Amino acid sequence: MLTQVDAGELPLHPQAISPGALLEHTAATYEHNASLQDVTLELDVPEGLPDINVDEGRLNQVFGNLLSNALRYTPAGGRIRLAARAAGRSVTLVVADTGEGIAAEELPFIFDRFHRADKSRHSEEGESGLGLAIVKALVEAHGGTVRAESQLGVGTTVSIELPAGAPLDARNGEGH
């Protein structure tokens, strides 16, 4: 899939969707796992946000990767907040956790392919080191940007900025 994204050949099927609906779906999907881990999922989505024109399945994949990571690194009693806000002609979607955080020297590399901040984790634990690279590739295929902020012992915040209501161009799969 990353190769298809790199070549501009990943078919996307955009449709107008409410950012709130997208985050509510994500929260509902992960609520059970969060509850089992004693992690609270919070939604912070104001009314009246503009729609985003995205491939809902691909964005569900993005938020699935982000929530899986947040749950992996957030201890019992912690919180994960899903938020959305309008920012000019874009919408920012946020996943913020109260997990272990990421060391400052690792932060610039977390969206690189095969990068693992925790070198002791191995692929047999089900981690390929591609999750955040996929997140970045899919967000960029939608004309958006992704960034992360983190502090050890405090948590990590990943912010995705997407154009509000802007159509995707034909190279990203419109009309397929």
Protein backbone atom coordinates (compact mmCIF):
# COMPACT_ATOMS: atom_id res chain seq x y z
CA MET A 1 0.00 0.00 0.00
CA LEU A 2 2.80 2.47 0.78
CA THR A 3 4.22 1.85 -2.68
CA GLN A 4 0.84 2.72 -4.21
CA VAL A 5 0.65 5.90 -2.16
CA ASP A 6 4.21 6.86 -3.13
CA ALA A 7 3.35 6.38 -6.81
CA GLY A 8 0.08 8.35 -6.48
CA GLU A 9 -1.82 5.19 -7.46
CA LEU A 10 -3.73 4.37 -4.28
CA PRO A 11 -7.41 4.52 -5.16
CA LEU A 12 -9.33 6.76 -2.78
CA HIS A 13 -13.10 7.05 -2.74
CA PRO A 14 -13.75 10.43 -1.13
CA GLN A 15 -17.06 11.50 0.30
CA ALA A 16 -18.12 14.33 2.55
CA ILE A 17 -18.08 13.20 6.16
CA SER A 18 -18.49 14.93 9.48
CA PRO A 19 -15.25 14.98 11.50
CA GLY A 20 -17.37 14.29 14.58
CA ALA A 21 -18.91 11.18 13.01
CA LEU A 22 -15.44 9.90 12.08
CA LEU A 23 -14.12 10.34 15.63
CA GLU A 24 -17.32 8.95 17.20
CA HIS A 25 -16.95 5.82 15.05
CA THR A 26 -13.31 5.49 16.16
CA ALA A 27 -14.26 5.90 19.83
CA ALA A 28 -17.05 3.32 19.53
CA THR A 29 -14.69 0.85 17.84
CA TYR A 30 -12.04 1.12 20.59
CA GLU A 31 -14.24 1.74 23.66
CA HIS A 32 -14.29 -1.93 24.69
CA ASN A 33 -10.50 -2.35 24.49
CA ALA A 34 -9.99 0.92 26.34
CA SER A 35 -12.38 -0.19 29.06
CA LEU A 36 -10.56 -3.52 29.44
CA GLN A 37 -7.30 -1.57 29.92
CA ASP A 38 -8.94 0.93 32.33
CA VAL A 39 -8.25 3.78 29.90
CA THR A 40 -10.84 6.52 29.44
CA LEU A 41 -11.72 7.60 25.89
CA GLU A 42 -12.91 11.22 25.65
CA LEU A 43 -14.52 12.97 22.70
CA ASP A 44 -14.12 16.72 22.24
CA VAL A 45 -15.94 17.70 19.07
CA PRO A 46 -17.75 21.03 18.82
CA GLU A 47 -20.96 21.38 16.81
CA GLY A 48 -20.91 22.95 13.38
CA LEU A 49 -17.54 21.76 12.07
CA PRO A 50 -17.28 21.72 8.29
CA ASP A 51 -17.24 18.34 6.57
CA ILE A 52 -14.03 16.85 5.27
CA ASN A 53 -13.93 15.12 1.88
CA VAL A 54 -12.10 11.86 2.58
CA ASP A 55 -12.08 8.14 1.96
CA GLU A 56 -13.78 7.04 5.16
CA GLY A 57 -12.23 3.56 5.12
CA ARG A 58 -8.71 4.97 4.78
CA LEU A 59 -9.27 7.52 7.56
CA ASN A 60 -10.66 4.75 9.78
CA GLN A 61 -7.38 2.94 9.12
CA VAL A 62 -5.43 6.09 10.13
CA PHE A 63 -7.33 6.46 13.39
CA GLY A 64 -7.18 2.73 14.03
CA ASN A 65 -3.38 2.90 13.87
CA LEU A 66 -3.28 5.95 16.13
CA LEU A 67 -5.69 4.52 18.70
CA SER A 68 -3.90 1.16 18.76
CA ASN A 69 -0.63 2.98 19.52
CA ALA A 70 -2.24 5.19 22.13
CA LEU A 71 -3.76 2.18 23.89
CA ARG A 72 -0.46 0.29 23.72
CA TYR A 73 1.41 3.08 25.53
CA THR A 74 -1.23 4.48 27.89
CA PRO A 75 -1.26 2.86 31.34
CA ALA A 76 -4.34 1.89 33.35
CA GLY A 77 -6.05 4.98 34.70
CA GLY A 78 -4.91 7.04 31.68
CA ARG A 79 -6.89 8.99 29.10
CA ILE A 80 -7.06 9.21 25.34
CA ARG A 81 -8.78 12.27 23.90
CA LEU A 82 -10.16 12.44 20.37
CA ALA A 83 -10.78 16.02 19.35
CA ALA A 84 -11.62 18.08 16.29
CA ARG A 85 -11.55 21.79 15.62
CA ALA A 86 -11.88 24.11 12.66
CA ALA A 87 -8.72 25.99 11.74
CA GLY A 88 -9.27 28.43 8.89
CA ARG A 89 -9.97 26.41 5.75
CA SER A 90 -9.03 23.14 7.40
CA VAL A 91 -10.09 20.80 10.16
CA THR A 92 -7.62 19.50 12.73
CA LEU A 93 -8.24 16.06 14.20
CA VAL A 94 -6.31 15.13 17.34
CA VAL A 95 -5.47 11.95 19.23
CA ALA A 96 -3.89 12.85 22.58
CA ASP A 97 -2.90 10.32 25.23
CA THR A 98 -1.49 10.36 28.74
CA GLY A 99 0.92 7.56 27.90
CA GLU A 100 4.65 7.13 28.28
CA GLY A 101 5.50 9.74 25.69
CA ILE A 102 8.26 9.70 23.10
CA ALA A 103 11.82 10.90 23.65
CA ALA A 104 12.58 14.22 21.96
CA GLU A 105 15.41 12.70 19.91
CA GLU A 106 13.02 10.03 18.49
CA LEU A 107 10.12 12.37 17.66
CA PRO A 108 11.41 13.58 14.25
CA PHE A 109 11.57 9.97 13.02
CA ILE A 110 8.33 8.39 14.24
CA PHE A 111 6.61 8.67 10.83
CA ASP A 112 9.57 7.03 9.02
CA ARG A 113 9.17 3.49 7.72
CA PHE A 114 10.36 0.75 10.07
CA HIS A 115 11.20 3.21 12.85
CA ARG A 116 10.55 2.03 16.38
CA ALA A 117 11.18 4.39 19.26
CA ASP A 118 11.38 1.36 21.57
CA LYS A 119 14.16 -0.74 20.03
CA SER A 120 13.39 -3.63 22.39
CA ARG A 121 10.08 -4.33 20.62
CA HIS A 122 10.26 -6.96 17.93
CA SER A 123 8.09 -7.80 14.94
CA GLU A 124 6.86 -11.01 16.57
CA GLU A 125 4.88 -8.75 18.89
CA GLY A 126 2.86 -7.74 15.83
CA GLU A 127 4.59 -4.43 15.20
CA SER A 128 6.00 -3.86 11.74
CA GLY A 129 7.24 -0.33 12.28
CA LEU A 130 4.95 0.78 9.43
CA GLY A 131 1.86 1.97 11.32
CA LEU A 132 2.82 5.64 11.57
CA ALA A 133 4.38 5.65 8.08
CA ILE A 134 0.98 4.44 6.79
CA VAL A 135 -0.75 7.17 8.80
CA LYS A 136 1.47 9.83 7.24
CA ALA A 137 1.10 8.44 3.70
CA LEU A 138 -2.70 8.25 3.92
CA VAL A 139 -3.04 11.71 5.44
CA GLU A 140 -0.81 13.21 2.74
CA ALA A 141 -2.77 11.34 0.02
CA HIS A 142 -5.81 13.28 1.32
CA GLY A 143 -3.96 16.59 0.97
CA GLY A 144 -3.33 16.83 4.69
CA THR A 145 -0.45 16.99 7.12
CA VAL A 146 0.34 15.10 10.32
CA ARG A 147 2.57 16.06 13.22
CA ALA A 148 3.29 14.80 16.70
CA GLU A 149 4.22 16.43 19.98
CA SER A 150 5.29 14.43 22.98
CA GLN A 151 6.86 14.61 26.39
CA LEU A 152 8.25 11.62 28.26
CA GLY A 153 6.04 10.67 31.20
CA VAL A 154 3.26 13.04 30.06
CA GLY A 155 1.95 11.69 26.76
CA THR A 156 1.75 12.16 23.02
CA THR A 157 -0.50 14.27 20.80
CA VAL A 158 -0.86 13.52 17.10
CA SER A 159 -2.58 16.23 15.04
CA ILE A 160 -3.91 15.72 11.54
CA GLU A 161 -4.86 18.75 9.47
CA LEU A 162 -7.15 18.14 6.49
CA PRO A 163 -8.72 20.56 4.03
CA ALA A 164 -12.31 21.40 4.96
CA GLY A 165 -14.68 20.28 2.25
CA ALA A 166 -12.01 20.51 -0.46
CA PRO A 167 -12.25 17.86 -3.16
CA LEU A 168 -9.40 15.46 -3.74
CA ASP A 169 -7.65 15.71 -7.08
CA ALA A 170 -8.03 13.04 -9.73
CA ARG A 171 -4.58 11.52 -9.15
CA ASN A 172 -5.74 10.43 -5.70
CA GLY A 173 -8.37 8.16 -7.10
CA GLU A 174 -11.45 10.25 -7.70
CA GLY A 175 -13.61 8.59 -10.29
CA HIS A 176 -12.27 5.04 -9.73
